[in-house]
Amino acid sequence: MTHESLEKNIEISAVRLIKLAEERSWNKISHHMTFIISDCNEFKGENFGEIRKSRWKINRYKIPQPLDQVIGVLKNEYEDLYDVNLYIFKALRKETVIEIQYYRKSNLNPDYFEKIKDNQPMFHSKITLPGYALDGAKFDINRESDGGPRHYWNLFLYEFKYRRMMKKLEK
């Protein structure tokens, strides 16, 4: 990948993310995409749950922009980009807001940095699955941004079944 193909790689990753979301969630996913951008160091927390809450609190105040505006930030950071991850922040009827989260090489361990300093950035499209969807069940893609009664009901049922199963195993 080159500096010039950055936008093309983001577009390809975004299309893959939309397809993945359409396969795994019950939401209608709009193909009109807007983007927010995040540096992984923006989010604070001791564990995954705290980092997820911090991420949501920070990202909900960001204004979604078209891809060409967000690409400028990434091009400025290109030499220091290690990993670029795309997540669906919110799927609305008329637009899908995609978060582009990037990790910098300069934030890595100095020994590891020496090994990867000349590597090109990696691109990933990711969806976090709730526990109740691990068996392939469809889920609400917006559960991290606004939850919803269906998500909370499925979460309640999953925890209930899990506790019953654990009690049976203890006997």
C-alpha atoms as a PDB file:
ATOM      1  CA  MET A   1       0.000   0.000   0.000  1.00  0.00           C
ATOM      2  CA  THR A   2       1.165   3.488  -0.747  1.00  0.00           C
ATOM      3  CA  HIS A   3       0.326   6.900   0.573  1.00  0.00           C
ATOM      4  CA  GLU A   4      -1.845   7.442  -2.512  1.00  0.00           C
ATOM      5  CA  SER A   5      -3.893   4.253  -2.084  1.00  0.00           C
ATOM      6  CA  LEU A   6      -4.946   5.112   1.472  1.00  0.00           C
ATOM      7  CA  GLU A   7      -8.397   6.340   0.447  1.00  0.00           C
ATOM      8  CA  LYS A   8      -9.016   3.273  -1.734  1.00  0.00           C
ATOM      9  CA  ASN A   9      -8.085   0.949   1.155  1.00  0.00           C
ATOM     10  CA  ILE A  10     -10.464   2.781   3.496  1.00  0.00           C
ATOM     11  CA  GLU A  11     -13.264   2.510   0.906  1.00  0.00           C
ATOM     12  CA  ILE A  12     -12.680  -1.233   0.466  1.00  0.00           C
ATOM     13  CA  SER A  13     -12.593  -1.779   4.238  1.00  0.00           C
ATOM     14  CA  ALA A  14     -15.805   0.244   4.678  1.00  0.00           C
ATOM     15  CA  VAL A  15     -17.648  -1.819   2.054  1.00  0.00           C
ATOM     16  CA  ARG A  16     -16.471  -5.027   3.752  1.00  0.00           C
ATOM     17  CA  LEU A  17     -17.680  -3.678   7.088  1.00  0.00           C
ATOM     18  CA  ILE A  18     -21.129  -2.866   5.671  1.00  0.00           C
ATOM     19  CA  LYS A  19     -21.421  -6.372   4.184  1.00  0.00           C
ATOM     20  CA  LEU A  20     -20.350  -7.948   7.468  1.00  0.00           C
ATOM     21  CA  ALA A  21     -22.906  -5.881   9.372  1.00  0.00           C
ATOM     22  CA  GLU A  22     -25.677  -6.829   6.938  1.00  0.00           C
ATOM     23  CA  GLU A  23     -24.879 -10.520   7.432  1.00  0.00           C
ATOM     24  CA  ARG A  24     -24.694 -10.436  11.235  1.00  0.00           C
ATOM     25  CA  SER A  25     -27.241  -7.819  12.336  1.00  0.00           C
ATOM     26  CA  TRP A  26     -30.973  -7.420  11.922  1.00  0.00           C
ATOM     27  CA  ASN A  27     -30.675  -3.658  11.284  1.00  0.00           C
ATOM     28  CA  LYS A  28     -31.151  -2.024   7.898  1.00  0.00           C
ATOM     29  CA  ILE A  29     -27.681  -0.747   7.005  1.00  0.00           C
ATOM     30  CA  SER A  30     -27.510   2.338   4.804  1.00  0.00           C
ATOM     31  CA  HIS A  31     -24.812   2.419   2.146  1.00  0.00           C
ATOM     32  CA  HIS A  32     -24.481   6.199   2.573  1.00  0.00           C
ATOM     33  CA  MET A  33     -21.428   6.383   4.819  1.00  0.00           C
ATOM     34  CA  THR A  34     -20.056   9.199   6.940  1.00  0.00           C
ATOM     35  CA  PHE A  35     -16.982   8.897   9.118  1.00  0.00           C
ATOM     36  CA  ILE A  36     -15.536   9.909  12.447  1.00  0.00           C
ATOM     37  CA  ILE A  37     -11.870   9.426  13.243  1.00  0.00           C
ATOM     38  CA  SER A  38     -10.261   8.403  16.520  1.00  0.00           C
ATOM     39  CA  ASP A  39      -6.755   7.945  17.822  1.00  0.00           C
ATOM     40  CA  CYS A  40      -6.732   4.891  20.114  1.00  0.00           C
ATOM     41  CA  ASN A  41      -5.022   6.993  22.798  1.00  0.00           C
ATOM     42  CA  GLU A  42      -8.145   9.143  23.182  1.00  0.00           C
ATOM     43  CA  PHE A  43      -9.858   6.437  25.199  1.00  0.00           C
ATOM     44  CA  LYS A  44      -9.044   5.808  28.844  1.00  0.00           C
ATOM     45  CA  GLY A  45      -9.874   2.842  31.019  1.00  0.00           C
ATOM     46  CA  GLU A  46      -8.484  -0.128  32.913  1.00  0.00           C
ATOM     47  CA  ASN A  47     -10.481  -2.791  31.067  1.00  0.00           C
ATOM     48  CA  PHE A  48     -12.445  -3.331  27.868  1.00  0.00           C
ATOM     49  CA  GLY A  49     -15.749  -2.183  29.390  1.00  0.00           C
ATOM     50  CA  GLU A  50     -14.333   1.113  30.638  1.00  0.00           C
ATOM     51  CA  ILE A  51     -12.568   1.783  27.342  1.00  0.00           C
ATOM     52  CA  ARG A  52     -15.804   1.029  25.437  1.00  0.00           C
ATOM     53  CA  LYS A  53     -17.744   3.526  27.599  1.00  0.00           C
ATOM     54  CA  SER A  54     -15.032   6.153  27.165  1.00  0.00           C
ATOM     55  CA  ARG A  55     -15.047   5.569  23.407  1.00  0.00           C
ATOM     56  CA  TRP A  56     -18.812   6.031  23.220  1.00  0.00           C
ATOM     57  CA  LYS A  57     -18.775   9.197  25.366  1.00  0.00           C
ATOM     58  CA  ILE A  58     -16.083  10.812  23.222  1.00  0.00           C
ATOM     59  CA  ASN A  59     -17.373   9.694  19.822  1.00  0.00           C
ATOM     60  CA  ARG A  60     -20.974  10.777  20.325  1.00  0.00           C
ATOM     61  CA  TYR A  61     -19.837  14.427  20.234  1.00  0.00           C
ATOM     62  CA  LYS A  62     -17.858  14.072  17.014  1.00  0.00           C
ATOM     63  CA  ILE A  63     -19.443  15.359  13.847  1.00  0.00           C
ATOM     64  CA  PRO A  64     -19.566  12.750  11.065  1.00  0.00           C
ATOM     65  CA  GLN A  65     -17.791  13.877   7.905  1.00  0.00           C
ATOM     66  CA  PRO A  66     -17.430  12.603   4.347  1.00  0.00           C
ATOM     67  CA  LEU A  67     -14.480  10.337   3.610  1.00  0.00           C
ATOM     68  CA  ASP A  68     -12.437  12.941   1.732  1.00  0.00           C
ATOM     69  CA  GLN A  69     -12.300  15.191   4.827  1.00  0.00           C
ATOM     70  CA  VAL A  70     -11.259  12.356   7.152  1.00  0.00           C
ATOM     71  CA  ILE A  71      -8.597  11.097   4.738  1.00  0.00           C
ATOM     72  CA  GLY A  72      -6.665  14.343   5.213  1.00  0.00           C
ATOM     73  CA  VAL A  73      -6.045  13.481   8.874  1.00  0.00           C
ATOM     74  CA  LEU A  74      -4.895   9.976   7.997  1.00  0.00           C
ATOM     75  CA  LYS A  75      -2.592  11.221   5.254  1.00  0.00           C
ATOM     76  CA  ASN A  76      -0.924  13.558   7.763  1.00  0.00           C
ATOM     77  CA  GLU A  77      -0.384  10.601  10.103  1.00  0.00           C
ATOM     78  CA  TYR A  78       0.485   8.093   7.349  1.00  0.00           C
ATOM     79  CA  GLU A  79       4.162   7.524   8.245  1.00  0.00           C
ATOM     80  CA  ASP A  80       3.199   6.776  11.859  1.00  0.00           C
ATOM     81  CA  LEU A  81       0.134   4.580  11.135  1.00  0.00           C
ATOM     82  CA  TYR A  82       0.428   1.020  12.410  1.00  0.00           C
ATOM     83  CA  ASP A  83      -3.143  -0.293  12.339  1.00  0.00           C
ATOM     84  CA  VAL A  84      -6.407   1.189  11.024  1.00  0.00           C
ATOM     85  CA  ASN A  85      -9.662  -0.362  12.285  1.00  0.00           C
ATOM     86  CA  LEU A  86     -13.140   0.429  11.011  1.00  0.00           C
ATOM     87  CA  TYR A  87     -16.183  -0.018  13.257  1.00  0.00           C
ATOM     88  CA  ILE A  88     -19.824   0.873  12.776  1.00  0.00           C
ATOM     89  CA  PHE A  89     -20.510   3.559  15.344  1.00  0.00           C
ATOM     90  CA  LYS A  90     -24.181   3.955  14.456  1.00  0.00           C
ATOM     91  CA  ALA A  91     -26.397   2.651  11.678  1.00  0.00           C
ATOM     92  CA  LEU A  92     -29.284   4.955  10.869  1.00  0.00           C
ATOM     93  CA  ARG A  93     -31.864   4.658   8.085  1.00  0.00           C
ATOM     94  CA  LYS A  94     -30.244   7.317   5.908  1.00  0.00           C
ATOM     95  CA  GLU A  95     -26.597   6.996   6.885  1.00  0.00           C
ATOM     96  CA  THR A  96     -24.118   4.705   8.552  1.00  0.00           C
ATOM     97  CA  VAL A  97     -21.543   6.398  10.770  1.00  0.00           C
ATOM     98  CA  ILE A  98     -18.254   4.526  10.624  1.00  0.00           C
ATOM     99  CA  GLU A  99     -15.508   5.092  13.147  1.00  0.00           C
ATOM    100  CA  ILE A 100     -11.971   4.929  11.791  1.00  0.00           C
ATOM    101  CA  GLN A 101      -9.722   4.149  14.747  1.00  0.00           C
ATOM    102  CA  TYR A 102      -5.979   4.212  14.197  1.00  0.00           C
ATOM    103  CA  TYR A 103      -2.978   3.084  16.196  1.00  0.00           C
ATOM    104  CA  ARG A 104       0.377   4.821  15.911  1.00  0.00           C
ATOM    105  CA  LYS A 105       3.728   3.069  15.550  1.00  0.00           C
ATOM    106  CA  SER A 106       5.271   5.616  17.908  1.00  0.00           C
ATOM    107  CA  ASN A 107       2.998   4.416  20.747  1.00  0.00           C
ATOM    108  CA  LEU A 108       4.332   0.870  20.606  1.00  0.00           C
ATOM    109  CA  ASN A 109       7.111  -0.691  22.657  1.00  0.00           C
ATOM    110  CA  PRO A 110      10.488   0.638  21.386  1.00  0.00           C
ATOM    111  CA  ASP A 111      11.804  -2.866  20.643  1.00  0.00           C
ATOM    112  CA  TYR A 112       8.720  -3.745  18.631  1.00  0.00           C
ATOM    113  CA  PHE A 113       8.785  -0.350  16.929  1.00  0.00           C
ATOM    114  CA  GLU A 114      12.237  -1.142  15.517  1.00  0.00           C
ATOM    115  CA  LYS A 115      10.847  -4.310  13.925  1.00  0.00           C
ATOM    116  CA  ILE A 116       7.804  -2.698  12.295  1.00  0.00           C
ATOM    117  CA  LYS A 117       8.901   0.886  11.623  1.00  0.00           C
ATOM    118  CA  ASP A 118       9.089   0.319   7.848  1.00  0.00           C
ATOM    119  CA  ASN A 119       5.875  -1.738   7.590  1.00  0.00           C
ATOM    120  CA  GLN A 120       2.837  -0.359   5.839  1.00  0.00           C
ATOM    121  CA  PRO A 121      -0.351   0.126   7.884  1.00  0.00           C
ATOM    122  CA  MET A 122      -2.776  -2.756   8.312  1.00  0.00           C
ATOM    123  CA  PHE A 123      -6.521  -2.342   7.688  1.00  0.00           C
ATOM    124  CA  HIS A 124      -9.300  -4.202   9.507  1.00  0.00           C
ATOM    125  CA  SER A 125     -13.093  -4.092   9.483  1.00  0.00           C
ATOM    126  CA  LYS A 126     -14.491  -5.193  12.837  1.00  0.00           C
ATOM    127  CA  ILE A 127     -17.794  -5.792  14.567  1.00  0.00           C
ATOM    128  CA  THR A 128     -17.940  -6.582  18.265  1.00  0.00           C
ATOM    129  CA  LEU A 129     -20.349  -9.408  18.955  1.00  0.00           C
ATOM    130  CA  PRO A 130     -22.511  -9.622  22.068  1.00  0.00           C
ATOM    131  CA  GLY A 131     -22.317 -12.931  23.924  1.00  0.00           C
ATOM    132  CA  TYR A 132     -25.767 -14.008  22.802  1.00  0.00           C
ATOM    133  CA  ALA A 133     -24.742 -13.716  19.117  1.00  0.00           C
ATOM    134  CA  LEU A 134     -21.678 -15.956  19.272  1.00  0.00           C
ATOM    135  CA  ASP A 135     -23.702 -18.875  17.922  1.00  0.00           C
ATOM    136  CA  GLY A 136     -24.625 -16.918  14.782  1.00  0.00           C
ATOM    137  CA  ALA A 137     -27.784 -15.205  16.026  1.00  0.00           C
ATOM    138  CA  LYS A 138     -28.450 -11.753  14.587  1.00  0.00           C
ATOM    139  CA  PHE A 139     -28.086  -8.742  16.872  1.00  0.00           C
ATOM    140  CA  ASP A 140     -28.621  -4.968  17.035  1.00  0.00           C
ATOM    141  CA  ILE A 141     -25.611  -3.248  15.474  1.00  0.00           C
ATOM    142  CA  ASN A 142     -26.474  -0.078  17.438  1.00  0.00           C
ATOM    143  CA  ARG A 143     -26.355  -1.771  20.824  1.00  0.00           C
ATOM    144  CA  GLU A 144     -23.116  -0.025  21.840  1.00  0.00           C
ATOM    145  CA  SER A 145     -24.342   3.425  20.877  1.00  0.00           C
ATOM    146  CA  ASP A 146     -27.919   3.333  22.136  1.00  0.00           C
ATOM    147  CA  GLY A 147     -28.750  -0.204  23.226  1.00  0.00           C
ATOM    148  CA  GLY A 148     -32.460  -0.705  22.892  1.00  0.00           C
ATOM    149  CA  PRO A 149     -35.029  -2.983  24.484  1.00  0.00           C
ATOM    150  CA  ARG A 150     -34.378  -5.904  22.143  1.00  0.00           C
ATOM    151  CA  HIS A 151     -30.646  -5.904  22.966  1.00  0.00           C
ATOM    152  CA  TYR A 152     -31.278  -5.745  26.718  1.00  0.00           C
ATOM    153  CA  TRP A 153     -33.869  -8.535  26.498  1.00  0.00           C
ATOM    154  CA  ASN A 154     -31.454 -10.778  24.557  1.00  0.00           C
ATOM    155  CA  LEU A 155     -28.684  -9.965  27.024  1.00  0.00           C
ATOM    156  CA  PHE A 156     -30.984 -10.845  29.950  1.00  0.00           C
ATOM    157  CA  LEU A 157     -31.940 -14.177  28.346  1.00  0.00           C
ATOM    158  CA  TYR A 158     -28.320 -14.998  27.582  1.00  0.00           C
ATOM    159  CA  GLU A 159     -27.243 -14.326  31.182  1.00  0.00           C
ATOM    160  CA  PHE A 160     -30.179 -16.345  32.521  1.00  0.00           C
ATOM    161  CA  LYS A 161     -29.295 -19.338  30.309  1.00  0.00           C
ATOM    162  CA  TYR A 162     -25.615 -19.007  31.183  1.00  0.00           C
ATOM    163  CA  ARG A 163     -26.325 -19.027  34.939  1.00  0.00           C
ATOM    164  CA  ARG A 164     -28.589 -22.081  34.592  1.00  0.00           C
ATOM    165  CA  MET A 165     -25.910 -23.897  32.643  1.00  0.00           C
ATOM    166  CA  MET A 166     -23.267 -23.036  35.255  1.00  0.00           C
ATOM    167  CA  LYS A 167     -25.487 -24.325  38.074  1.00  0.00           C
ATOM    168  CA  LYS A 168     -25.937 -27.621  36.236  1.00  0.00           C
ATOM    169  CA  LEU A 169     -22.179 -27.947  35.799  1.00  0.00           C
ATOM    170  CA  GLU A 170     -21.584 -27.351  39.527  1.00  0.00           C
ATOM    171  CA  LYS A 171     -23.830 -30.292  40.500  1.00  0.00           C
END
